[in-house]
Amino acid sequence: MSDCLFCRILDGSVPSKKVYEDETIYAFEDIAPKAPTHVLLIPKKHVAQLADMSPEDEPLVGALAARAAAIARERGLSDYRLVANNGEGAGQSVFHFHFHLLGGRPFRWPPG
C-alpha cells in the first residue's frame, strides 16, 4: 500500500535501520525510541491492525512474538515489554500491524 509508512519501509522507499529480516518479518529500530531498546517488528503482509488478522495469520503473529523474544535475548534483555496497539484510541499511529519491543529500562504499570 503506497500510503502506508511501513509498506514504504518494506519496499525501500523510506530508509530504516534493519535489525532482522526473513521472508515474512521485518524488524527495525524505532526512529523515536521510548527505551534504550525500541524495535518495531512488522509482517511483510499488510494487515492494518490486530483486529484485522484472520485465522490464517495466527502463525504470523506467533512468529513475530518469537522473533521479538529472540531479539531481546540477543540484546541481553531478560525483562522487556512487547506491545501491540489496536486502533487510534489505543495509540496506534501507523495502520500496519506491528509489535513494539521495548527494553533496557524499568517500566511501570499501567502504561499510558
PDB file of N, CA and C in Angstrom:
ATOM      1  N   MET A   1       0.846  -1.183   0.000  1.00  0.00           N
ATOM      2  CA  MET A   1       0.000   0.000   0.000  1.00  0.00           C
ATOM      3  C   MET A   1       0.889   1.243   0.000  1.00  0.00           C
ATOM      4  N   SER A   2       0.740   2.064  -0.998  1.00  0.00           N
ATOM      5  CA  SER A   2       1.631   3.204  -1.174  1.00  0.00           C
ATOM      6  C   SER A   2       1.471   4.272  -0.100  1.00  0.00           C
ATOM      7  N   ASP A   3       0.331   4.327   0.593  1.00  0.00           N
ATOM      8  CA  ASP A   3       0.146   5.334   1.625  1.00  0.00           C
ATOM      9  C   ASP A   3       0.541   4.830   3.011  1.00  0.00           C
ATOM     10  N   CYS A   4       0.997   3.589   3.116  1.00  0.00           N
ATOM     11  CA  CYS A   4       1.388   3.004   4.401  1.00  0.00           C
ATOM     12  C   CYS A   4       2.887   3.194   4.616  1.00  0.00           C
ATOM     13  N   LEU A   5       3.247   3.869   5.697  1.00  0.00           N
ATOM     14  CA  LEU A   5       4.656   4.117   6.004  1.00  0.00           C
ATOM     15  C   LEU A   5       5.453   2.814   6.076  1.00  0.00           C
ATOM     16  N   PHE A   6       4.911   1.804   6.752  1.00  0.00           N
ATOM     17  CA  PHE A   6       5.668   0.563   6.915  1.00  0.00           C
ATOM     18  C   PHE A   6       5.794  -0.195   5.594  1.00  0.00           C
ATOM     19  N   CYS A   7       4.796  -0.116   4.732  1.00  0.00           N
ATOM     20  CA  CYS A   7       4.919  -0.723   3.402  1.00  0.00           C
ATOM     21  C   CYS A   7       6.003  -0.015   2.598  1.00  0.00           C
ATOM     22  N   ARG A   8       6.115   1.297   2.767  1.00  0.00           N
ATOM     23  CA  ARG A   8       7.174   2.043   2.078  1.00  0.00           C
ATOM     24  C   ARG A   8       8.551   1.695   2.646  1.00  0.00           C
ATOM     25  N   ILE A   9       8.624   1.416   3.945  1.00  0.00           N
ATOM     26  CA  ILE A   9       9.891   0.924   4.517  1.00  0.00           C
ATOM     27  C   ILE A   9      10.218  -0.430   3.903  1.00  0.00           C
ATOM     28  N   LEU A  10       9.227  -1.298   3.786  1.00  0.00           N
ATOM     29  CA  LEU A  10       9.459  -2.621   3.204  1.00  0.00           C
ATOM     30  C   LEU A  10       9.927  -2.549   1.755  1.00  0.00           C
ATOM     31  N   ASP A  11       9.383  -1.610   0.986  1.00  0.00           N
ATOM     32  CA  ASP A  11       9.794  -1.536  -0.431  1.00  0.00           C
ATOM     33  C   ASP A  11      11.074  -0.720  -0.625  1.00  0.00           C
ATOM     34  N   GLY A  12      11.621  -0.170   0.461  1.00  0.00           N
ATOM     35  CA  GLY A  12      12.891   0.542   0.391  1.00  0.00           C
ATOM     36  C   GLY A  12      12.782   2.018   0.066  1.00  0.00           C
ATOM     37  N   SER A  13      11.577   2.523  -0.128  1.00  0.00           N
ATOM     38  CA  SER A  13      11.443   3.943  -0.457  1.00  0.00           C
ATOM     39  C   SER A  13      11.578   4.851   0.760  1.00  0.00           C
ATOM     40  N   VAL A  14      11.466   4.295   1.958  1.00  0.00           N
ATOM     41  CA  VAL A  14      11.726   5.010   3.209  1.00  0.00           C
ATOM     42  C   VAL A  14      12.822   4.235   3.924  1.00  0.00           C
ATOM     43  N   PRO A  15      13.910   4.894   4.307  1.00  0.00           N
ATOM     44  CA  PRO A  15      15.013   4.180   4.954  1.00  0.00           C
ATOM     45  C   PRO A  15      14.663   3.735   6.373  1.00  0.00           C
ATOM     46  N   SER A  16      15.340   2.679   6.804  1.00  0.00           N
ATOM     47  CA  SER A  16      15.201   2.189   8.174  1.00  0.00           C
ATOM     48  C   SER A  16      16.500   1.513   8.577  1.00  0.00           C
ATOM     49  N   LYS A  17      16.652   1.338   9.877  1.00  0.00           N
ATOM     50  CA  LYS A  17      17.827   0.635  10.400  1.00  0.00           C
ATOM     51  C   LYS A  17      17.396  -0.790  10.729  1.00  0.00           C
ATOM     52  N   LYS A  18      17.685  -1.693   9.798  1.00  0.00           N
ATOM     53  CA  LYS A  18      17.238  -3.076   9.909  1.00  0.00           C
ATOM     54  C   LYS A  18      17.890  -3.789  11.084  1.00  0.00           C
ATOM     55  N   VAL A  19      17.057  -4.532  11.812  1.00  0.00           N
ATOM     56  CA  VAL A  19      17.505  -5.393  12.904  1.00  0.00           C
ATOM     57  C   VAL A  19      17.434  -6.854  12.476  1.00  0.00           C
ATOM     58  N   TYR A  20      16.393  -7.195  11.714  1.00  0.00           N
ATOM     59  CA  TYR A  20      16.165  -8.588  11.301  1.00  0.00           C
ATOM     60  C   TYR A  20      15.252  -8.592  10.078  1.00  0.00           C
ATOM     61  N   GLU A  21      15.450  -9.598   9.217  1.00  0.00           N
ATOM     62  CA  GLU A  21      14.547  -9.777   8.089  1.00  0.00           C
ATOM     63  C   GLU A  21      14.553 -11.232   7.663  1.00  0.00           C
ATOM     64  N   ASP A  22      13.370 -11.755   7.361  1.00  0.00           N
ATOM     65  CA  ASP A  22      13.231 -13.041   6.704  1.00  0.00           C
ATOM     66  C   ASP A  22      12.104 -12.922   5.690  1.00  0.00           C
ATOM     67  N   GLU A  23      11.572 -14.031   5.232  1.00  0.00           N
ATOM     68  CA  GLU A  23      10.566 -13.973   4.168  1.00  0.00           C
ATOM     69  C   GLU A  23       9.226 -13.397   4.613  1.00  0.00           C
ATOM     70  N   THR A  24       8.950 -13.368   5.928  1.00  0.00           N
ATOM     71  CA  THR A  24       7.646 -12.886   6.404  1.00  0.00           C
ATOM     72  C   THR A  24       7.715 -11.725   7.385  1.00  0.00           C
ATOM     73  N   ILE A  25       8.893 -11.463   7.957  1.00  0.00           N
ATOM     74  CA  ILE A  25       9.039 -10.483   9.038  1.00  0.00           C
ATOM     75  C   ILE A  25      10.141  -9.483   8.701  1.00  0.00           C
ATOM     76  N   TYR A  26       9.919  -8.252   9.112  1.00  0.00           N
ATOM     77  CA  TYR A  26      10.961  -7.229   9.056  1.00  0.00           C
ATOM     78  C   TYR A  26      10.966  -6.528  10.410  1.00  0.00           C
ATOM     79  N   ALA A  27      12.144  -6.366  11.001  1.00  0.00           N
ATOM     80  CA  ALA A  27      12.288  -5.668  12.278  1.00  0.00           C
ATOM     81  C   ALA A  27      13.302  -4.548  12.100  1.00  0.00           C
ATOM     82  N   PHE A  28      12.998  -3.397  12.722  1.00  0.00           N
ATOM     83  CA  PHE A  28      13.871  -2.237  12.566  1.00  0.00           C
ATOM     84  C   PHE A  28      13.789  -1.352  13.808  1.00  0.00           C
ATOM     85  N   GLU A  29      14.802  -0.510  13.969  1.00  0.00           N
ATOM     86  CA  GLU A  29      14.867   0.408  15.101  1.00  0.00           C
ATOM     87  C   GLU A  29      13.814   1.503  14.945  1.00  0.00           C
ATOM     88  N   ASP A  30      13.123   1.819  16.035  1.00  0.00           N
ATOM     89  CA  ASP A  30      12.162   2.924  16.032  1.00  0.00           C
ATOM     90  C   ASP A  30      12.934   4.238  15.897  1.00  0.00           C
ATOM     91  N   ILE A  31      12.411   5.170  15.097  1.00  0.00           N
ATOM     92  CA  ILE A  31      13.118   6.444  14.895  1.00  0.00           C
ATOM     93  C   ILE A  31      12.938   7.405  16.068  1.00  0.00           C
ATOM     94  N   ALA A  32      11.986   7.122  16.954  1.00  0.00           N
ATOM     95  CA  ALA A  32      11.771   7.944  18.150  1.00  0.00           C
ATOM     96  C   ALA A  32      11.671   7.007  19.355  1.00  0.00           C
ATOM     97  N   PRO A  33      12.794   6.395  19.738  1.00  0.00           N
ATOM     98  CA  PRO A  33      12.747   5.356  20.767  1.00  0.00           C
ATOM     99  C   PRO A  33      12.254   5.854  22.119  1.00  0.00           C
ATOM    100  N   LYS A  34      11.480   5.001  22.781  1.00  0.00           N
ATOM    101  CA  LYS A  34      10.947   5.278  24.115  1.00  0.00           C
ATOM    102  C   LYS A  34      11.694   4.498  25.188  1.00  0.00           C
ATOM    103  N   ALA A  35      12.719   3.773  24.787  1.00  0.00           N
ATOM    104  CA  ALA A  35      13.551   2.986  25.703  1.00  0.00           C
ATOM    105  C   ALA A  35      14.880   2.724  24.988  1.00  0.00           C
ATOM    106  N   PRO A  36      15.918   2.316  25.729  1.00  0.00           N
ATOM    107  CA  PRO A  36      17.195   2.026  25.074  1.00  0.00           C
ATOM    108  C   PRO A  36      17.074   1.008  23.934  1.00  0.00           C
ATOM    109  N   THR A  37      16.227   0.001  24.112  1.00  0.00           N
ATOM    110  CA  THR A  37      15.862  -0.884  23.011  1.00  0.00           C
ATOM    111  C   THR A  37      14.431  -0.566  22.629  1.00  0.00           C
ATOM    112  N   HIS A  38      14.219  -0.184  21.386  1.00  0.00           N
ATOM    113  CA  HIS A  38      12.860   0.043  20.863  1.00  0.00           C
ATOM    114  C   HIS A  38      12.877  -0.393  19.406  1.00  0.00           C
ATOM    115  N   VAL A  39      12.474  -1.642  19.209  1.00  0.00           N
ATOM    116  CA  VAL A  39      12.466  -2.263  17.891  1.00  0.00           C
ATOM    117  C   VAL A  39      11.020  -2.483  17.468  1.00  0.00           C
ATOM    118  N   LEU A  40      10.718  -2.182  16.218  1.00  0.00           N
ATOM    119  CA  LEU A  40       9.409  -2.467  15.646  1.00  0.00           C
ATOM    120  C   LEU A  40       9.515  -3.731  14.815  1.00  0.00           C
ATOM    121  N   LEU A  41       8.561  -4.625  14.997  1.00  0.00           N
ATOM    122  CA  LEU A  41       8.510  -5.866  14.230  1.00  0.00           C
ATOM    123  C   LEU A  41       7.217  -5.867  13.433  1.00  0.00           C
ATOM    124  N   ILE A  42       7.334  -6.007  12.115  1.00  0.00           N
ATOM    125  CA  ILE A  42       6.154  -5.940  11.251  1.00  0.00           C
ATOM    126  C   ILE A  42       6.098  -7.167  10.346  1.00  0.00           C
ATOM    127  N   PRO A  43       4.880  -7.568  10.000  1.00  0.00           N
ATOM    128  CA  PRO A  43       4.763  -8.599   8.965  1.00  0.00           C
ATOM    129  C   PRO A  43       4.964  -7.958   7.600  1.00  0.00           C
ATOM    130  N   LYS A  44       5.504  -8.709   6.667  1.00  0.00           N
ATOM    131  CA  LYS A  44       5.635  -8.192   5.309  1.00  0.00           C
ATOM    132  C   LYS A  44       4.273  -8.122   4.627  1.00  0.00           C
ATOM    133  N   LYS A  45       3.345  -8.919   5.101  1.00  0.00           N
ATOM    134  CA  LYS A  45       1.970  -8.855   4.608  1.00  0.00           C
ATOM    135  C   LYS A  45       1.286  -7.670   5.276  1.00  0.00           C
ATOM    136  N   HIS A  46       0.647  -6.819   4.497  1.00  0.00           N
ATOM    137  CA  HIS A  46      -0.045  -5.676   5.083  1.00  0.00           C
ATOM    138  C   HIS A  46      -1.352  -6.127   5.729  1.00  0.00           C
ATOM    139  N   VAL A  47      -1.440  -5.908   7.018  1.00  0.00           N
ATOM    140  CA  VAL A  47      -2.671  -6.067   7.789  1.00  0.00           C
ATOM    141  C   VAL A  47      -2.732  -4.823   8.656  1.00  0.00           C
ATOM    142  N   ALA A  48      -3.833  -4.086   8.599  1.00  0.00           N
ATOM    143  CA  ALA A  48      -3.892  -2.776   9.256  1.00  0.00           C
ATOM    144  C   ALA A  48      -3.741  -2.847  10.768  1.00  0.00           C
ATOM    145  N   GLN A  49      -4.408  -3.795  11.412  1.00  0.00           N
ATOM    146  CA  GLN A  49      -4.336  -3.871  12.877  1.00  0.00           C
ATOM    147  C   GLN A  49      -4.622  -5.293  13.329  1.00  0.00           C
ATOM    148  N   LEU A  50      -4.351  -5.553  14.577  1.00  0.00           N
ATOM    149  CA  LEU A  50      -4.533  -6.890  15.130  1.00  0.00           C
ATOM    150  C   LEU A  50      -5.952  -7.396  14.907  1.00  0.00           C
ATOM    151  N   ALA A  51      -6.936  -6.543  15.064  1.00  0.00           N
ATOM    152  CA  ALA A  51      -8.336  -6.939  14.890  1.00  0.00           C
ATOM    153  C   ALA A  51      -8.633  -7.423  13.474  1.00  0.00           C
ATOM    154  N   ASP A  52      -7.784  -7.081  12.521  1.00  0.00           N
ATOM    155  CA  ASP A  52      -7.989  -7.489  11.138  1.00  0.00           C
ATOM    156  C   ASP A  52      -7.305  -8.812  10.801  1.00  0.00           C
ATOM    157  N   MET A  53      -6.580  -9.384  11.753  1.00  0.00           N
ATOM    158  CA  MET A  53      -5.903 -10.647  11.499  1.00  0.00           C
ATOM    159  C   MET A  53      -6.937 -11.749  11.289  1.00  0.00           C
ATOM    160  N   SER A  54      -6.661 -12.613  10.335  1.00  0.00           N
ATOM    161  CA  SER A  54      -7.534 -13.750  10.056  1.00  0.00           C
ATOM    162  C   SER A  54      -6.948 -14.998  10.721  1.00  0.00           C
ATOM    163  N   PRO A  55      -7.716 -16.078  10.784  1.00  0.00           N
ATOM    164  CA  PRO A  55      -7.164 -17.318  11.344  1.00  0.00           C
ATOM    165  C   PRO A  55      -5.884 -17.761  10.628  1.00  0.00           C
ATOM    166  N   GLU A  56      -5.778 -17.484   9.335  1.00  0.00           N
ATOM    167  CA  GLU A  56      -4.559 -17.853   8.591  1.00  0.00           C
ATOM    168  C   GLU A  56      -3.345 -17.058   9.065  1.00  0.00           C
ATOM    169  N   ASP A  57      -3.581 -15.920   9.711  1.00  0.00           N
ATOM    170  CA  ASP A  57      -2.485 -15.065  10.175  1.00  0.00           C
ATOM    171  C   ASP A  57      -1.956 -15.462  11.557  1.00  0.00           C
ATOM    172  N   GLU A  58      -2.605 -16.389  12.224  1.00  0.00           N
ATOM    173  CA  GLU A  58      -2.168 -16.777  13.571  1.00  0.00           C
ATOM    174  C   GLU A  58      -0.700 -17.193  13.620  1.00  0.00           C
ATOM    175  N   PRO A  59      -0.218 -18.011  12.679  1.00  0.00           N
ATOM    176  CA  PRO A  59       1.218 -18.355  12.729  1.00  0.00           C
ATOM    177  C   PRO A  59       2.121 -17.128  12.579  1.00  0.00           C
ATOM    178  N   LEU A  60       1.689 -16.146  11.826  1.00  0.00           N
ATOM    179  CA  LEU A  60       2.480 -14.933  11.636  1.00  0.00           C
ATOM    180  C   LEU A  60       2.609 -14.149  12.939  1.00  0.00           C
ATOM    181  N   VAL A  61       1.518 -14.019  13.674  1.00  0.00           N
ATOM    182  CA  VAL A  61       1.561 -13.312  14.960  1.00  0.00           C
ATOM    183  C   VAL A  61       2.505 -14.046  15.913  1.00  0.00           C
ATOM    184  N   GLY A  62       2.424 -15.362  15.932  1.00  0.00           N
ATOM    185  CA  GLY A  62       3.329 -16.152  16.764  1.00  0.00           C
ATOM    186  C   GLY A  62       4.778 -15.992  16.356  1.00  0.00           C
ATOM    187  N   ALA A  63       5.029 -15.958  15.053  1.00  0.00           N
ATOM    188  CA  ALA A  63       6.397 -15.786  14.557  1.00  0.00           C
ATOM    189  C   ALA A  63       6.949 -14.415  14.934  1.00  0.00           C
ATOM    190  N   LEU A  64       6.113 -13.385  14.867  1.00  0.00           N
ATOM    191  CA  LEU A  64       6.547 -12.042  15.278  1.00  0.00           C
ATOM    192  C   LEU A  64       6.910 -12.020  16.757  1.00  0.00           C
ATOM    193  N   ALA A  65       6.079 -12.646  17.594  1.00  0.00           N
ATOM    194  CA  ALA A  65       6.357 -12.680  19.036  1.00  0.00           C
ATOM    195  C   ALA A  65       7.630 -13.478  19.322  1.00  0.00           C
ATOM    196  N   ALA A  66       7.796 -14.602  18.644  1.00  0.00           N
ATOM    197  CA  ALA A  66       9.004 -15.414  18.847  1.00  0.00           C
ATOM    198  C   ALA A  66      10.249 -14.660  18.405  1.00  0.00           C
ATOM    199  N   ARG A  67      10.163 -13.921  17.306  1.00  0.00           N
ATOM    200  CA  ARG A  67      11.318 -13.146  16.846  1.00  0.00           C
ATOM    201  C   ARG A  67      11.630 -12.020  17.819  1.00  0.00           C
ATOM    202  N   ALA A  68      10.582 -11.404  18.390  1.00  0.00           N
ATOM    203  CA  ALA A  68      10.809 -10.366  19.405  1.00  0.00           C
ATOM    204  C   ALA A  68      11.576 -10.948  20.579  1.00  0.00           C
ATOM    205  N   ALA A  69      11.197 -12.129  21.029  1.00  0.00           N
ATOM    206  CA  ALA A  69      11.907 -12.773  22.141  1.00  0.00           C
ATOM    207  C   ALA A  69      13.353 -13.071  21.762  1.00  0.00           C
ATOM    208  N   ALA A  70      13.587 -13.494  20.531  1.00  0.00           N
ATOM    209  CA  ALA A  70      14.957 -13.774  20.078  1.00  0.00           C
ATOM    210  C   ALA A  70      15.797 -12.498  20.053  1.00  0.00           C
ATOM    211  N   ILE A  71      15.226 -11.414  19.567  1.00  0.00           N
ATOM    212  CA  ILE A  71      15.952 -10.136  19.547  1.00  0.00           C
ATOM    213  C   ILE A  71      16.255  -9.690  20.971  1.00  0.00           C
ATOM    214  N   ALA A  72      15.299  -9.852  21.876  1.00  0.00           N
ATOM    215  CA  ALA A  72      15.529  -9.495  23.282  1.00  0.00           C
ATOM    216  C   ALA A  72      16.690 -10.311  23.849  1.00  0.00           C
ATOM    217  N   ARG A  73      16.715 -11.617  23.577  1.00  0.00           N
ATOM    218  CA  ARG A  73      17.817 -12.462  24.059  1.00  0.00           C
ATOM    219  C   ARG A  73      19.141 -11.998  23.477  1.00  0.00           C
ATOM    220  N   GLU A  74      19.157 -11.721  22.161  1.00  0.00           N
ATOM    221  CA  GLU A  74      20.387 -11.265  21.500  1.00  0.00           C
ATOM    222  C   GLU A  74      20.920  -9.991  22.138  1.00  0.00           C
ATOM    223  N   ARG A  75      20.034  -9.157  22.650  1.00  0.00           N
ATOM    224  CA  ARG A  75      20.430  -7.887  23.264  1.00  0.00           C
ATOM    225  C   ARG A  75      20.629  -8.001  24.768  1.00  0.00           C
ATOM    226  N   GLY A  76      20.538  -9.204  25.291  1.00  0.00           N
ATOM    227  CA  GLY A  76      20.775  -9.421  26.715  1.00  0.00           C
ATOM    228  C   GLY A  76      19.648  -8.953  27.614  1.00  0.00           C
ATOM    229  N   LEU A  77      18.453  -8.828  27.068  1.00  0.00           N
ATOM    230  CA  LEU A  77      17.309  -8.360  27.858  1.00  0.00           C
ATOM    231  C   LEU A  77      16.582  -9.548  28.476  1.00  0.00           C
ATOM    232  N   SER A  78      16.490  -9.557  29.799  1.00  0.00           N
ATOM    233  CA  SER A  78      15.672 -10.578  30.462  1.00  0.00           C
ATOM    234  C   SER A  78      14.291 -10.019  30.779  1.00  0.00           C
ATOM    235  N   ASP A  79      14.191  -8.708  30.920  1.00  0.00           N
ATOM    236  CA  ASP A  79      12.917  -8.033  31.151  1.00  0.00           C
ATOM    237  C   ASP A  79      12.676  -7.083  29.983  1.00  0.00           C
ATOM    238  N   TYR A  80      11.504  -7.178  29.417  1.00  0.00           N
ATOM    239  CA  TYR A  80      11.159  -6.299  28.294  1.00  0.00           C
ATOM    240  C   TYR A  80       9.647  -6.267  28.152  1.00  0.00           C
ATOM    241  N   ARG A  81       9.178  -5.348  27.349  1.00  0.00           N
ATOM    242  CA  ARG A  81       7.751  -5.195  27.082  1.00  0.00           C
ATOM    243  C   ARG A  81       7.526  -5.386  25.581  1.00  0.00           C
ATOM    244  N   LEU A  82       6.472  -6.146  25.254  1.00  0.00           N
ATOM    245  CA  LEU A  82       6.056  -6.337  23.870  1.00  0.00           C
ATOM    246  C   LEU A  82       4.651  -5.778  23.759  1.00  0.00           C
ATOM    247  N   VAL A  83       4.477  -4.759  22.894  1.00  0.00           N
ATOM    248  CA  VAL A  83       3.226  -4.008  22.824  1.00  0.00           C
ATOM    249  C   VAL A  83       2.665  -4.053  21.408  1.00  0.00           C
ATOM    250  N   ALA A  84       1.351  -4.257  21.320  1.00  0.00           N
ATOM    251  CA  ALA A  84       0.618  -4.099  20.064  1.00  0.00           C
ATOM    252  C   ALA A  84      -0.577  -3.203  20.352  1.00  0.00           C
ATOM    253  N   ASN A  85      -0.626  -2.063  19.717  1.00  0.00           N
ATOM    254  CA  ASN A  85      -1.768  -1.155  19.854  1.00  0.00           C
ATOM    255  C   ASN A  85      -2.770  -1.470  18.749  1.00  0.00           C
ATOM    256  N   ASN A  86      -4.050  -1.495  19.100  1.00  0.00           N
ATOM    257  CA  ASN A  86      -5.093  -1.787  18.119  1.00  0.00           C
ATOM    258  C   ASN A  86      -6.064  -0.615  18.056  1.00  0.00           C
ATOM    259  N   GLY A  87      -5.900   0.228  17.048  1.00  0.00           N
ATOM    260  CA  GLY A  87      -6.788   1.360  16.856  1.00  0.00           C
ATOM    261  C   GLY A  87      -6.211   2.659  17.382  1.00  0.00           C
ATOM    262  N   GLU A  88      -6.732   3.734  16.846  1.00  0.00           N
ATOM    263  CA  GLU A  88      -6.247   5.074  17.185  1.00  0.00           C
ATOM    264  C   GLU A  88      -6.386   5.366  18.672  1.00  0.00           C
ATOM    265  N   GLY A  89      -7.509   4.980  19.278  1.00  0.00           N
ATOM    266  CA  GLY A  89      -7.733   5.232  20.694  1.00  0.00           C
ATOM    267  C   GLY A  89      -6.764   4.504  21.609  1.00  0.00           C
ATOM    268  N   ALA A  90      -6.137   3.446  21.092  1.00  0.00           N
ATOM    269  CA  ALA A  90      -5.142   2.694  21.856  1.00  0.00           C
ATOM    270  C   ALA A  90      -3.724   3.182  21.590  1.00  0.00           C
ATOM    271  N   GLY A  91      -3.599   4.173  20.701  1.00  0.00           N
ATOM    272  CA  GLY A  91      -2.284   4.729  20.412  1.00  0.00           C
ATOM    273  C   GLY A  91      -1.672   4.280  19.099  1.00  0.00           C
ATOM    274  N   GLN A  92      -2.404   3.514  18.291  1.00  0.00           N
ATOM    275  CA  GLN A  92      -1.853   3.101  17.007  1.00  0.00           C
ATOM    276  C   GLN A  92      -1.814   4.297  16.065  1.00  0.00           C
ATOM    277  N   SER A  93      -0.628   4.599  15.536  1.00  0.00           N
ATOM    278  CA  SER A  93      -0.491   5.738  14.625  1.00  0.00           C
ATOM    279  C   SER A  93      -0.145   5.308  13.198  1.00  0.00           C
ATOM    280  N   VAL A  94       0.415   4.116  13.040  1.00  0.00           N
ATOM    281  CA  VAL A  94       0.679   3.564  11.711  1.00  0.00           C
ATOM    282  C   VAL A  94      -0.202   2.329  11.574  1.00  0.00           C
ATOM    283  N   PHE A  95      -1.064   2.347  10.595  1.00  0.00           N
ATOM    284  CA  PHE A  95      -2.024   1.257  10.446  1.00  0.00           C
ATOM    285  C   PHE A  95      -1.484   0.152   9.547  1.00  0.00           C
ATOM    286  N   HIS A  96      -0.450  -0.479  10.071  1.00  0.00           N
ATOM    287  CA  HIS A  96       0.161  -1.711   9.565  1.00  0.00           C
ATOM    288  C   HIS A  96       0.526  -2.433  10.850  1.00  0.00           C
ATOM    289  N   PHE A  97      -0.092  -3.580  11.114  1.00  0.00           N
ATOM    290  CA  PHE A  97       0.118  -4.259  12.386  1.00  0.00           C
ATOM    291  C   PHE A  97       1.606  -4.340  12.719  1.00  0.00           C
ATOM    292  N   HIS A  98       1.924  -4.093  13.981  1.00  0.00           N
ATOM    293  CA  HIS A  98       3.307  -4.181  14.433  1.00  0.00           C
ATOM    294  C   HIS A  98       3.368  -4.374  15.936  1.00  0.00           C
ATOM    295  N   PHE A  99       4.469  -4.960  16.354  1.00  0.00           N
ATOM    296  CA  PHE A  99       4.817  -5.048  17.764  1.00  0.00           C
ATOM    297  C   PHE A  99       5.922  -4.046  18.041  1.00  0.00           C
ATOM    298  N   HIS A 100       5.865  -3.442  19.234  1.00  0.00           N
ATOM    299  CA  HIS A 100       6.976  -2.658  19.765  1.00  0.00           C
ATOM    300  C   HIS A 100       7.680  -3.548  20.769  1.00  0.00           C
ATOM    301  N   LEU A 101       8.977  -3.755  20.614  1.00  0.00           N
ATOM    302  CA  LEU A 101       9.804  -4.425  21.611  1.00  0.00           C
ATOM    303  C   LEU A 101      10.563  -3.327  22.344  1.00  0.00           C
ATOM    304  N   LEU A 102      10.272  -3.186  23.629  1.00  0.00           N
ATOM    305  CA  LEU A 102      10.887  -2.136  24.451  1.00  0.00           C
ATOM    306  C   LEU A 102      11.635  -2.780  25.612  1.00  0.00           C
ATOM    307  N   GLY A 103      12.843  -2.313  25.865  1.00  0.00           N
ATOM    308  CA  GLY A 103      13.608  -2.846  26.978  1.00  0.00           C
ATOM    309  C   GLY A 103      14.791  -1.961  27.311  1.00  0.00           C
ATOM    310  N   GLY A 104      15.468  -2.343  28.375  1.00  0.00           N
ATOM    311  CA  GLY A 104      16.661  -1.614  28.781  1.00  0.00           C
ATOM    312  C   GLY A 104      16.412  -0.558  29.834  1.00  0.00           C
ATOM    313  N   ARG A 105      15.182  -0.484  30.339  1.00  0.00           N
ATOM    314  CA  ARG A 105      14.868   0.425  31.440  1.00  0.00           C
ATOM    315  C   ARG A 105      13.645  -0.139  32.166  1.00  0.00           C
ATOM    316  N   PRO A 106      13.420   0.285  33.415  1.00  0.00           N
ATOM    317  CA  PRO A 106      12.230  -0.172  34.145  1.00  0.00           C
ATOM    318  C   PRO A 106      10.956   0.416  33.537  1.00  0.00           C
ATOM    319  N   PHE A 107       9.886  -0.348  33.600  1.00  0.00           N
ATOM    320  CA  PHE A 107       8.567   0.110  33.147  1.00  0.00           C
ATOM    321  C   PHE A 107       7.593   0.058  34.310  1.00  0.00           C
ATOM    322  N   ARG A 108       6.584   0.893  34.238  1.00  0.00           N
ATOM    323  CA  ARG A 108       5.545   0.922  35.265  1.00  0.00           C
ATOM    324  C   ARG A 108       4.253   0.372  34.695  1.00  0.00           C
ATOM    325  N   TRP A 109       3.334   0.020  35.586  1.00  0.00           N
ATOM    326  CA  TRP A 109       2.012  -0.449  35.174  1.00  0.00           C
ATOM    327  C   TRP A 109       0.976   0.295  35.960  1.00  0.00           C
ATOM    328  N   PRO A 110      -0.089   0.761  35.389  1.00  0.00           N
ATOM    329  CA  PRO A 110      -0.411   0.611  33.972  1.00  0.00           C
ATOM    330  C   PRO A 110       0.275   1.664  33.125  1.00  0.00           C
ATOM    331  N   PRO A 111       0.523   1.328  31.841  1.00  0.00           N
ATOM    332  CA  PRO A 111       1.105   2.319  30.939  1.00  0.00           C
ATOM    333  C   PRO A 111       0.060   3.337  30.516  1.00  0.00           C
ATOM    334  N   GLY A 112       0.525   4.436  29.926  1.00  0.00           N
ATOM    335  CA  GLY A 112      -0.367   5.430  29.348  1.00  0.00           C
ATOM    336  C   GLY A 112      -1.130   6.155  30.377  1.00  0.00           C
TER     337      GLY A 112
END
